[in-house]
Amino acid sequence: MRSSFRHYFLSSKTMKLGYDFFTWASTQLALCYIVTPFLLLATEPTIKFYKSMYFHFHILCAFVLLILAVQRQKSVTQIDPASLRTNSYNAVPNHQQLKKEQ
């Protein structure tokens, strides 16, 4: 996820600082949300807690994963098929090709 968005915020120091603060705060909130079942140590209170929060973090994560999957699929379809045809072993000359060139 970081590789998808971070480059947009590196243009100025204030934007980078804002991005860093936002990601730090969202990470802290996500950890608090995720750790709650381990603190409650029971299924029923955990489900009750998540219901009281309307499962917002679960829904948000699913939504972000769907968006990133669609973006990744679009970027994969935009790759030039001709660039995929080159073989990695042809990119680096082997010792027989080097002898022929000498």
PDB file of N, CA and C in Angstrom:
ATOM      1  N   MET A   1       0.828  -1.184   0.000  1.00  0.00           N
ATOM      2  CA  MET A   1       0.000   0.000   0.000  1.00  0.00           C
ATOM      3  C   MET A   1       0.876   1.252   0.000  1.00  0.00           C
ATOM      4  N   ARG A   2       1.968   1.202   0.765  1.00  0.00           N
ATOM      5  CA  ARG A   2       2.846   2.356   0.840  1.00  0.00           C
ATOM      6  C   ARG A   2       3.406   2.710  -0.530  1.00  0.00           C
ATOM      7  N   SER A   3       3.777   1.706  -1.307  1.00  0.00           N
ATOM      8  CA  SER A   3       4.357   1.968  -2.626  1.00  0.00           C
ATOM      9  C   SER A   3       3.344   2.561  -3.596  1.00  0.00           C
ATOM     10  N   SER A   4       2.073   2.423  -3.293  1.00  0.00           N
ATOM     11  CA  SER A   4       1.043   2.971  -4.176  1.00  0.00           C
ATOM     12  C   SER A   4       0.778   4.456  -3.946  1.00  0.00           C
ATOM     13  N   PHE A   5       1.014   4.952  -2.734  1.00  0.00           N
ATOM     14  CA  PHE A   5       0.614   6.319  -2.406  1.00  0.00           C
ATOM     15  C   PHE A   5       1.737   7.249  -1.973  1.00  0.00           C
ATOM     16  N   ARG A   6       2.791   6.729  -1.383  1.00  0.00           N
ATOM     17  CA  ARG A   6       3.801   7.575  -0.750  1.00  0.00           C
ATOM     18  C   ARG A   6       4.444   8.557  -1.719  1.00  0.00           C
ATOM     19  N   HIS A   7       4.694   8.152  -2.942  1.00  0.00           N
ATOM     20  CA  HIS A   7       5.379   9.029  -3.897  1.00  0.00           C
ATOM     21  C   HIS A   7       4.594  10.309  -4.196  1.00  0.00           C
ATOM     22  N   TYR A   8       3.291  10.306  -3.970  1.00  0.00           N
ATOM     23  CA  TYR A   8       2.502  11.521  -4.177  1.00  0.00           C
ATOM     24  C   TYR A   8       2.779  12.583  -3.122  1.00  0.00           C
ATOM     25  N   PHE A   9       3.306  12.199  -1.976  1.00  0.00           N
ATOM     26  CA  PHE A   9       3.477  13.117  -0.857  1.00  0.00           C
ATOM     27  C   PHE A   9       4.921  13.526  -0.629  1.00  0.00           C
ATOM     28  N   LEU A  10       5.814  13.195  -1.521  1.00  0.00           N
ATOM     29  CA  LEU A  10       7.220  13.523  -1.337  1.00  0.00           C
ATOM     30  C   LEU A  10       7.619  14.837  -1.994  1.00  0.00           C
ATOM     31  N   SER A  11       6.678  15.578  -2.543  1.00  0.00           N
ATOM     32  CA  SER A  11       6.995  16.812  -3.256  1.00  0.00           C
ATOM     33  C   SER A  11       7.420  17.947  -2.317  1.00  0.00           C
ATOM     34  N   SER A  12       6.903  17.975  -1.103  1.00  0.00           N
ATOM     35  CA  SER A  12       7.301  19.013  -0.149  1.00  0.00           C
ATOM     36  C   SER A  12       7.429  18.415   1.245  1.00  0.00           C
ATOM     37  N   LYS A  13       8.152  19.130   2.080  1.00  0.00           N
ATOM     38  CA  LYS A  13       8.370  18.628   3.450  1.00  0.00           C
ATOM     39  C   LYS A  13       7.088  18.618   4.256  1.00  0.00           C
ATOM     40  N   THR A  14       6.211  19.610   4.037  1.00  0.00           N
ATOM     41  CA  THR A  14       4.972  19.652   4.820  1.00  0.00           C
ATOM     42  C   THR A  14       4.034  18.514   4.427  1.00  0.00           C
ATOM     43  N   MET A  15       3.985  18.202   3.119  1.00  0.00           N
ATOM     44  CA  MET A  15       3.142  17.085   2.692  1.00  0.00           C
ATOM     45  C   MET A  15       3.689  15.765   3.217  1.00  0.00           C
ATOM     46  N   LYS A  16       5.002  15.616   3.205  1.00  0.00           N
ATOM     47  CA  LYS A  16       5.612  14.393   3.717  1.00  0.00           C
ATOM     48  C   LYS A  16       5.374  14.266   5.211  1.00  0.00           C
ATOM     49  N   LEU A  17       5.492  15.373   5.933  1.00  0.00           N
ATOM     50  CA  LEU A  17       5.241  15.358   7.378  1.00  0.00           C
ATOM     51  C   LEU A  17       3.781  15.016   7.665  1.00  0.00           C
ATOM     52  N   GLY A  18       2.861  15.584   6.898  1.00  0.00           N
ATOM     53  CA  GLY A  18       1.443  15.267   7.056  1.00  0.00           C
ATOM     54  C   GLY A  18       1.161  13.801   6.758  1.00  0.00           C
ATOM     55  N   TYR A  19       1.769  13.283   5.688  1.00  0.00           N
ATOM     56  CA  TYR A  19       1.610  11.872   5.333  1.00  0.00           C
ATOM     57  C   TYR A  19       2.179  10.978   6.432  1.00  0.00           C
ATOM     58  N   ASP A  20       3.357  11.326   6.940  1.00  0.00           N
ATOM     59  CA  ASP A  20       3.964  10.528   8.010  1.00  0.00           C
ATOM     60  C   ASP A  20       3.105  10.522   9.270  1.00  0.00           C
ATOM     61  N   PHE A  21       2.555  11.684   9.630  1.00  0.00           N
ATOM     62  CA  PHE A  21       1.697  11.749  10.814  1.00  0.00           C
ATOM     63  C   PHE A  21       0.417  10.940  10.598  1.00  0.00           C
ATOM     64  N   PHE A  22      -0.187  11.067   9.420  1.00  0.00           N
ATOM     65  CA  PHE A  22      -1.419  10.336   9.120  1.00  0.00           C
ATOM     66  C   PHE A  22      -1.186   8.830   9.163  1.00  0.00           C
ATOM     67  N   THR A  23      -0.102   8.371   8.563  1.00  0.00           N
ATOM     68  CA  THR A  23       0.169   6.930   8.564  1.00  0.00           C
ATOM     69  C   THR A  23       0.504   6.434   9.964  1.00  0.00           C
ATOM     70  N   TRP A  24       1.220   7.251  10.746  1.00  0.00           N
ATOM     71  CA  TRP A  24       1.518   6.855  12.132  1.00  0.00           C
ATOM     72  C   TRP A  24       0.222   6.734  12.939  1.00  0.00           C
ATOM     73  N   ALA A  25      -0.657   7.749  12.838  1.00  0.00           N
ATOM     74  CA  ALA A  25      -1.903   7.737  13.597  1.00  0.00           C
ATOM     75  C   ALA A  25      -2.807   6.588  13.157  1.00  0.00           C
ATOM     76  N   SER A  26      -2.906   6.349  11.856  1.00  0.00           N
ATOM     77  CA  SER A  26      -3.759   5.258  11.390  1.00  0.00           C
ATOM     78  C   SER A  26      -3.186   3.904  11.791  1.00  0.00           C
ATOM     79  N   THR A  27      -1.873   3.776  11.836  1.00  0.00           N
ATOM     80  CA  THR A  27      -1.264   2.527  12.300  1.00  0.00           C
ATOM     81  C   THR A  27      -1.565   2.293  13.772  1.00  0.00           C
ATOM     82  N   GLN A  28      -1.495   3.337  14.577  1.00  0.00           N
ATOM     83  CA  GLN A  28      -1.791   3.200  16.005  1.00  0.00           C
ATOM     84  C   GLN A  28      -3.253   2.808  16.233  1.00  0.00           C
ATOM     85  N   LEU A  29      -4.160   3.436  15.499  1.00  0.00           N
ATOM     86  CA  LEU A  29      -5.578   3.094  15.636  1.00  0.00           C
ATOM     87  C   LEU A  29      -5.853   1.672  15.164  1.00  0.00           C
ATOM     88  N   ALA A  30      -5.209   1.262  14.072  1.00  0.00           N
ATOM     89  CA  ALA A  30      -5.404  -0.100  13.566  1.00  0.00           C
ATOM     90  C   ALA A  30      -4.896  -1.125  14.576  1.00  0.00           C
ATOM     91  N   LEU A  31      -3.762  -0.855  15.180  1.00  0.00           N
ATOM     92  CA  LEU A  31      -3.224  -1.788  16.180  1.00  0.00           C
ATOM     93  C   LEU A  31      -4.147  -1.888  17.391  1.00  0.00           C
ATOM     94  N   CYS A  32      -4.687  -0.763  17.828  1.00  0.00           N
ATOM     95  CA  CYS A  32      -5.635  -0.801  18.953  1.00  0.00           C
ATOM     96  C   CYS A  32      -6.862  -1.633  18.596  1.00  0.00           C
ATOM     97  N   TYR A  33      -7.359  -1.476  17.398  1.00  0.00           N
ATOM     98  CA  TYR A  33      -8.539  -2.206  16.933  1.00  0.00           C
ATOM     99  C   TYR A  33      -8.250  -3.699  16.827  1.00  0.00           C
ATOM    100  N   ILE A  34      -7.071  -4.042  16.347  1.00  0.00           N
ATOM    101  CA  ILE A  34      -6.713  -5.440  16.135  1.00  0.00           C
ATOM    102  C   ILE A  34      -6.370  -6.153  17.444  1.00  0.00           C
ATOM    103  N   VAL A  35      -5.801  -5.456  18.391  1.00  0.00           N
ATOM    104  CA  VAL A  35      -5.356  -6.066  19.647  1.00  0.00           C
ATOM    105  C   VAL A  35      -6.515  -6.318  20.615  1.00  0.00           C
ATOM    106  N   THR A  36      -7.632  -5.672  20.419  1.00  0.00           N
ATOM    107  CA  THR A  36      -8.767  -5.783  21.340  1.00  0.00           C
ATOM    108  C   THR A  36      -9.177  -7.227  21.648  1.00  0.00           C
ATOM    109  N   PRO A  37      -9.280  -8.136  20.668  1.00  0.00           N
ATOM    110  CA  PRO A  37      -9.658  -9.517  21.013  1.00  0.00           C
ATOM    111  C   PRO A  37      -8.668 -10.194  21.967  1.00  0.00           C
ATOM    112  N   PHE A  38      -7.403  -9.840  21.857  1.00  0.00           N
ATOM    113  CA  PHE A  38      -6.408 -10.428  22.753  1.00  0.00           C
ATOM    114  C   PHE A  38      -6.526  -9.875  24.170  1.00  0.00           C
ATOM    115  N   LEU A  39      -7.049  -8.672  24.281  1.00  0.00           N
ATOM    116  CA  LEU A  39      -7.267  -8.097  25.609  1.00  0.00           C
ATOM    117  C   LEU A  39      -8.547  -8.634  26.243  1.00  0.00           C
ATOM    118  N   LEU A  40      -9.563  -8.858  25.433  1.00  0.00           N
ATOM    119  CA  LEU A  40     -10.841  -9.350  25.956  1.00  0.00           C
ATOM    120  C   LEU A  40     -10.815 -10.853  26.228  1.00  0.00           C
ATOM    121  N   LEU A  41     -10.032 -11.592  25.479  1.00  0.00           N
ATOM    122  CA  LEU A  41      -9.831 -13.037  25.668  1.00  0.00           C
ATOM    123  C   LEU A  41     -11.119 -13.863  25.634  1.00  0.00           C
ATOM    124  N   ALA A  42     -12.085 -13.411  24.870  1.00  0.00           N
ATOM    125  CA  ALA A  42     -13.324 -14.170  24.702  1.00  0.00           C
ATOM    126  C   ALA A  42     -13.982 -13.741  23.402  1.00  0.00           C
ATOM    127  N   THR A  43     -14.712 -14.657  22.810  1.00  0.00           N
ATOM    128  CA  THR A  43     -15.322 -14.385  21.512  1.00  0.00           C
ATOM    129  C   THR A  43     -16.511 -13.443  21.609  1.00  0.00           C
ATOM    130  N   GLU A  44     -17.389 -13.692  22.569  1.00  0.00           N
ATOM    131  CA  GLU A  44     -18.608 -12.891  22.674  1.00  0.00           C
ATOM    132  C   GLU A  44     -18.324 -11.411  22.924  1.00  0.00           C
ATOM    133  N   PRO A  45     -17.466 -11.048  23.885  1.00  0.00           N
ATOM    134  CA  PRO A  45     -17.173  -9.620  24.059  1.00  0.00           C
ATOM    135  C   PRO A  45     -16.461  -8.998  22.849  1.00  0.00           C
ATOM    136  N   THR A  46     -15.665  -9.811  22.165  1.00  0.00           N
ATOM    137  CA  THR A  46     -14.976  -9.304  20.980  1.00  0.00           C
ATOM    138  C   THR A  46     -15.973  -8.960  19.880  1.00  0.00           C
ATOM    139  N   ILE A  47     -16.908  -9.863  19.614  1.00  0.00           N
ATOM    140  CA  ILE A  47     -17.937  -9.608  18.609  1.00  0.00           C
ATOM    141  C   ILE A  47     -18.794  -8.418  19.023  1.00  0.00           C
ATOM    142  N   LYS A  48     -19.113  -8.315  20.295  1.00  0.00           N
ATOM    143  CA  LYS A  48     -19.890  -7.182  20.798  1.00  0.00           C
ATOM    144  C   LYS A  48     -19.142  -5.866  20.572  1.00  0.00           C
ATOM    145  N   PHE A  49     -17.822  -5.875  20.818  1.00  0.00           N
ATOM    146  CA  PHE A  49     -17.013  -4.680  20.587  1.00  0.00           C
ATOM    147  C   PHE A  49     -17.002  -4.305  19.109  1.00  0.00           C
ATOM    148  N   TYR A  50     -16.746  -5.301  18.256  1.00  0.00           N
ATOM    149  CA  TYR A  50     -16.701  -5.015  16.823  1.00  0.00           C
ATOM    150  C   TYR A  50     -18.063  -4.551  16.305  1.00  0.00           C
ATOM    151  N   LYS A  51     -19.157  -5.104  16.840  1.00  0.00           N
ATOM    152  CA  LYS A  51     -20.494  -4.641  16.457  1.00  0.00           C
ATOM    153  C   LYS A  51     -20.707  -3.195  16.878  1.00  0.00           C
ATOM    154  N   SER A  52     -20.213  -2.847  18.058  1.00  0.00           N
ATOM    155  CA  SER A  52     -20.369  -1.464  18.518  1.00  0.00           C
ATOM    156  C   SER A  52     -19.567  -0.492  17.647  1.00  0.00           C
ATOM    157  N   MET A  53     -18.532  -0.986  17.018  1.00  0.00           N
ATOM    158  CA  MET A  53     -17.722  -0.166  16.107  1.00  0.00           C
ATOM    159  C   MET A  53     -18.183  -0.318  14.662  1.00  0.00           C
ATOM    160  N   TYR A  54     -19.275  -1.084  14.450  1.00  0.00           N
ATOM    161  CA  TYR A  54     -19.864  -1.326  13.132  1.00  0.00           C
ATOM    162  C   TYR A  54     -18.871  -1.984  12.162  1.00  0.00           C
ATOM    163  N   PHE A  55     -17.925  -2.739  12.674  1.00  0.00           N
ATOM    164  CA  PHE A  55     -16.929  -3.452  11.862  1.00  0.00           C
ATOM    165  C   PHE A  55     -16.260  -2.516  10.855  1.00  0.00           C
ATOM    166  N   HIS A  56     -16.082  -1.254  11.236  1.00  0.00           N
ATOM    167  CA  HIS A  56     -15.582  -0.258  10.280  1.00  0.00           C
ATOM    168  C   HIS A  56     -14.189  -0.584   9.762  1.00  0.00           C
ATOM    169  N   PHE A  57     -13.319  -1.103  10.606  1.00  0.00           N
ATOM    170  CA  PHE A  57     -11.963  -1.392  10.147  1.00  0.00           C
ATOM    171  C   PHE A  57     -11.949  -2.590   9.203  1.00  0.00           C
ATOM    172  N   HIS A  58     -12.773  -3.578   9.468  1.00  0.00           N
ATOM    173  CA  HIS A  58     -12.873  -4.724   8.575  1.00  0.00           C
ATOM    174  C   HIS A  58     -13.341  -4.286   7.180  1.00  0.00           C
ATOM    175  N   ILE A  59     -14.365  -3.445   7.161  1.00  0.00           N
ATOM    176  CA  ILE A  59     -14.924  -2.959   5.899  1.00  0.00           C
ATOM    177  C   ILE A  59     -13.914  -2.077   5.173  1.00  0.00           C
ATOM    178  N   LEU A  60     -13.233  -1.209   5.916  1.00  0.00           N
ATOM    179  CA  LEU A  60     -12.238  -0.331   5.313  1.00  0.00           C
ATOM    180  C   LEU A  60     -11.096  -1.137   4.686  1.00  0.00           C
ATOM    181  N   CYS A  61     -10.617  -2.153   5.378  1.00  0.00           N
ATOM    182  CA  CYS A  61      -9.540  -2.995   4.845  1.00  0.00           C
ATOM    183  C   CYS A  61      -9.976  -3.733   3.582  1.00  0.00           C
ATOM    184  N   ALA A  62     -11.173  -4.264   3.582  1.00  0.00           N
ATOM    185  CA  ALA A  62     -11.677  -4.956   2.397  1.00  0.00           C
ATOM    186  C   ALA A  62     -11.799  -3.991   1.223  1.00  0.00           C
ATOM    187  N   PHE A  63     -12.271  -2.788   1.484  1.00  0.00           N
ATOM    188  CA  PHE A  63     -12.418  -1.776   0.445  1.00  0.00           C
ATOM    189  C   PHE A  63     -11.062  -1.381  -0.140  1.00  0.00           C
ATOM    190  N   VAL A  64     -10.084  -1.149   0.720  1.00  0.00           N
ATOM    191  CA  VAL A  64      -8.734  -0.776   0.259  1.00  0.00           C
ATOM    192  C   VAL A  64      -8.105  -1.908  -0.545  1.00  0.00           C
ATOM    193  N   LEU A  65      -8.275  -3.145  -0.094  1.00  0.00           N
ATOM    194  CA  LEU A  65      -7.725  -4.278  -0.833  1.00  0.00           C
ATOM    195  C   LEU A  65      -8.353  -4.403  -2.215  1.00  0.00           C
ATOM    196  N   LEU A  66      -9.644  -4.160  -2.309  1.00  0.00           N
ATOM    197  CA  LEU A  66     -10.309  -4.206  -3.613  1.00  0.00           C
ATOM    198  C   LEU A  66      -9.795  -3.113  -4.546  1.00  0.00           C
ATOM    199  N   ILE A  67      -9.643  -1.914  -4.023  1.00  0.00           N
ATOM    200  CA  ILE A  67      -9.147  -0.802  -4.839  1.00  0.00           C
ATOM    201  C   ILE A  67      -7.729  -1.088  -5.314  1.00  0.00           C
ATOM    202  N   LEU A  68      -6.862  -1.544  -4.414  1.00  0.00           N
ATOM    203  CA  LEU A  68      -5.483  -1.825  -4.804  1.00  0.00           C
ATOM    204  C   LEU A  68      -5.400  -2.976  -5.797  1.00  0.00           C
ATOM    205  N   ALA A  69      -6.273  -3.970  -5.663  1.00  0.00           N
ATOM    206  CA  ALA A  69      -6.275  -5.086  -6.612  1.00  0.00           C
ATOM    207  C   ALA A  69      -6.697  -4.616  -8.001  1.00  0.00           C
ATOM    208  N   VAL A  70      -7.674  -3.732  -8.078  1.00  0.00           N
ATOM    209  CA  VAL A  70      -8.117  -3.206  -9.365  1.00  0.00           C
ATOM    210  C   VAL A  70      -7.018  -2.352  -9.983  1.00  0.00           C
ATOM    211  N   GLN A  71      -6.355  -1.513  -9.181  1.00  0.00           N
ATOM    212  CA  GLN A  71      -5.263  -0.691  -9.702  1.00  0.00           C
ATOM    213  C   GLN A  71      -4.115  -1.558 -10.190  1.00  0.00           C
ATOM    214  N   ARG A  72      -3.770  -2.595  -9.455  1.00  0.00           N
ATOM    215  CA  ARG A  72      -2.677  -3.481  -9.849  1.00  0.00           C
ATOM    216  C   ARG A  72      -3.031  -4.215 -11.137  1.00  0.00           C
ATOM    217  N   GLN A  73      -4.298  -4.631 -11.262  1.00  0.00           N
ATOM    218  CA  GLN A  73      -4.724  -5.337 -12.463  1.00  0.00           C
ATOM    219  C   GLN A  73      -4.651  -4.413 -13.679  1.00  0.00           C
ATOM    220  N   LYS A  74      -5.014  -3.145 -13.508  1.00  0.00           N
ATOM    221  CA  LYS A  74      -4.915  -2.186 -14.602  1.00  0.00           C
ATOM    222  C   LYS A  74      -3.464  -1.967 -14.999  1.00  0.00           C
ATOM    223  N   SER A  75      -2.558  -1.877 -14.023  1.00  0.00           N
ATOM    224  CA  SER A  75      -1.156  -1.641 -14.344  1.00  0.00           C
ATOM    225  C   SER A  75      -0.532  -2.857 -15.015  1.00  0.00           C
ATOM    226  N   VAL A  76      -0.984  -4.049 -14.677  1.00  0.00           N
ATOM    227  CA  VAL A  76      -0.459  -5.256 -15.313  1.00  0.00           C
ATOM    228  C   VAL A  76      -0.921  -5.337 -16.756  1.00  0.00           C
ATOM    229  N   THR A  77      -2.147  -4.937 -17.033  1.00  0.00           N
ATOM    230  CA  THR A  77      -2.653  -4.995 -18.403  1.00  0.00           C
ATOM    231  C   THR A  77      -2.016  -3.922 -19.281  1.00  0.00           C
ATOM    232  N   GLN A  78      -1.412  -2.910 -18.698  1.00  0.00           N
ATOM    233  CA  GLN A  78      -0.773  -1.855 -19.469  1.00  0.00           C
ATOM    234  C   GLN A  78       0.680  -2.174 -19.814  1.00  0.00           C
ATOM    235  N   ILE A  79       1.217  -3.283 -19.347  1.00  0.00           N
ATOM    236  CA  ILE A  79       2.585  -3.662 -19.650  1.00  0.00           C
ATOM    237  C   ILE A  79       2.662  -4.086 -21.112  1.00  0.00           C
ATOM    238  N   ASP A  80       3.720  -3.663 -21.781  1.00  0.00           N
ATOM    239  CA  ASP A  80       3.923  -3.994 -23.188  1.00  0.00           C
ATOM    240  C   ASP A  80       4.257  -5.472 -23.327  1.00  0.00           C
ATOM    241  N   PRO A  81       3.456  -6.247 -24.062  1.00  0.00           N
ATOM    242  CA  PRO A  81       3.718  -7.681 -24.201  1.00  0.00           C
ATOM    243  C   PRO A  81       5.064  -7.971 -24.866  1.00  0.00           C
ATOM    244  N   ALA A  82       5.547  -7.073 -25.709  1.00  0.00           N
ATOM    245  CA  ALA A  82       6.830  -7.297 -26.376  1.00  0.00           C
ATOM    246  C   ALA A  82       7.976  -7.306 -25.370  1.00  0.00           C
ATOM    247  N   SER A  83       7.842  -6.528 -24.292  1.00  0.00           N
ATOM    248  CA  SER A  83       8.906  -6.502 -23.288  1.00  0.00           C
ATOM    249  C   SER A  83       8.957  -7.800 -22.491  1.00  0.00           C
ATOM    250  N   LEU A  84       7.859  -8.550 -22.461  1.00  0.00           N
ATOM    251  CA  LEU A  84       7.834  -9.808 -21.732  1.00  0.00           C
ATOM    252  C   LEU A  84       8.467 -10.948 -22.531  1.00  0.00           C
ATOM    253  N   ARG A  85       8.607 -10.762 -23.849  1.00  0.00           N
ATOM    254  CA  ARG A  85       9.139 -11.818 -24.687  1.00  0.00           C
ATOM    255  C   ARG A  85      10.648 -11.982 -24.576  1.00  0.00           C
ATOM    256  N   THR A  86      11.354 -10.968 -24.105  1.00  0.00           N
ATOM    257  CA  THR A  86      12.801 -11.095 -23.979  1.00  0.00           C
ATOM    258  C   THR A  86      13.122 -12.039 -22.842  1.00  0.00           C
ATOM    259  N   ASN A  87      13.987 -12.958 -23.096  1.00  0.00           N
ATOM    260  CA  ASN A  87      14.371 -13.941 -22.091  1.00  0.00           C
ATOM    261  C   ASN A  87      15.518 -13.397 -21.256  1.00  0.00           C
ATOM    262  N   SER A  88      15.520 -13.714 -19.994  1.00  0.00           N
ATOM    263  CA  SER A  88      16.567 -13.208 -19.112  1.00  0.00           C
ATOM    264  C   SER A  88      17.922 -13.783 -19.483  1.00  0.00           C
ATOM    265  N   TYR A  89      17.954 -14.995 -20.036  1.00  0.00           N
ATOM    266  CA  TYR A  89      19.247 -15.573 -20.389  1.00  0.00           C
ATOM    267  C   TYR A  89      19.816 -14.948 -21.661  1.00  0.00           C
ATOM    268  N   ASN A  90      18.998 -14.283 -22.454  1.00  0.00           N
ATOM    269  CA  ASN A  90      19.499 -13.579 -23.633  1.00  0.00           C
ATOM    270  C   ASN A  90      19.974 -12.175 -23.293  1.00  0.00           C
ATOM    271  N   ALA A  91      19.550 -11.660 -22.175  1.00  0.00           N
ATOM    272  CA  ALA A  91      19.909 -10.301 -21.805  1.00  0.00           C
ATOM    273  C   ALA A  91      21.379 -10.208 -21.412  1.00  0.00           C
ATOM    274  N   VAL A  92      21.939 -11.259 -20.839  1.00  0.00           N
ATOM    275  CA  VAL A  92      23.334 -11.276 -20.413  1.00  0.00           C
ATOM    276  C   VAL A  92      24.092 -12.214 -21.341  1.00  0.00           C
ATOM    277  N   PRO A  93      25.144 -11.728 -21.998  1.00  0.00           N
ATOM    278  CA  PRO A  93      25.865 -12.610 -22.912  1.00  0.00           C
ATOM    279  C   PRO A  93      26.594 -13.719 -22.163  1.00  0.00           C
ATOM    280  N   ASN A  94      26.582 -14.912 -22.740  1.00  0.00           N
ATOM    281  CA  ASN A  94      27.302 -16.014 -22.109  1.00  0.00           C
ATOM    282  C   ASN A  94      28.743 -16.034 -22.593  1.00  0.00           C
ATOM    283  N   HIS A  95      29.533 -16.954 -22.099  1.00  0.00           N
ATOM    284  CA  HIS A  95      30.957 -16.964 -22.410  1.00  0.00           C
ATOM    285  C   HIS A  95      31.225 -17.290 -23.880  1.00  0.00           C
ATOM    286  N   GLN A  96      30.370 -18.049 -24.554  1.00  0.00           N
ATOM    287  CA  GLN A  96      30.563 -18.348 -25.973  1.00  0.00           C
ATOM    288  C   GLN A  96      30.342 -17.099 -26.829  1.00  0.00           C
ATOM    289  N   GLN A  97      29.354 -16.284 -26.463  1.00  0.00           N
ATOM    290  CA  GLN A  97      29.119 -15.043 -27.196  1.00  0.00           C
ATOM    291  C   GLN A  97      30.284 -14.078 -27.017  1.00  0.00           C
ATOM    292  N   LEU A  98      30.859 -14.049 -25.818  1.00  0.00           N
ATOM    293  CA  LEU A  98      31.996 -13.181 -25.573  1.00  0.00           C
ATOM    294  C   LEU A  98      33.208 -13.611 -26.377  1.00  0.00           C
ATOM    295  N   LYS A  99      33.435 -14.928 -26.542  1.00  0.00           N
ATOM    296  CA  LYS A  99      34.565 -15.432 -27.330  1.00  0.00           C
ATOM    297  C   LYS A  99      34.407 -15.053 -28.797  1.00  0.00           C
ATOM    298  N   LYS A 100      33.172 -15.100 -29.320  1.00  0.00           N
ATOM    299  CA  LYS A 100      32.922 -14.753 -30.709  1.00  0.00           C
ATOM    300  C   LYS A 100      33.206 -13.278 -30.969  1.00  0.00           C
ATOM    301  N   GLU A 101      32.881 -12.435 -29.980  1.00  0.00           N
ATOM    302  CA  GLU A 101      33.091 -11.000 -30.134  1.00  0.00           C
ATOM    303  C   GLU A 101      34.570 -10.641 -30.096  1.00  0.00           C
ATOM    304  N   GLN A 102      35.402 -11.435 -29.419  1.00  0.00           N
ATOM    305  CA  GLN A 102      36.833 -11.134 -29.300  1.00  0.00           C
ATOM    306  C   GLN A 102      37.500 -11.578 -30.557  1.00  0.00           C
TER     307      GLN A 102
END
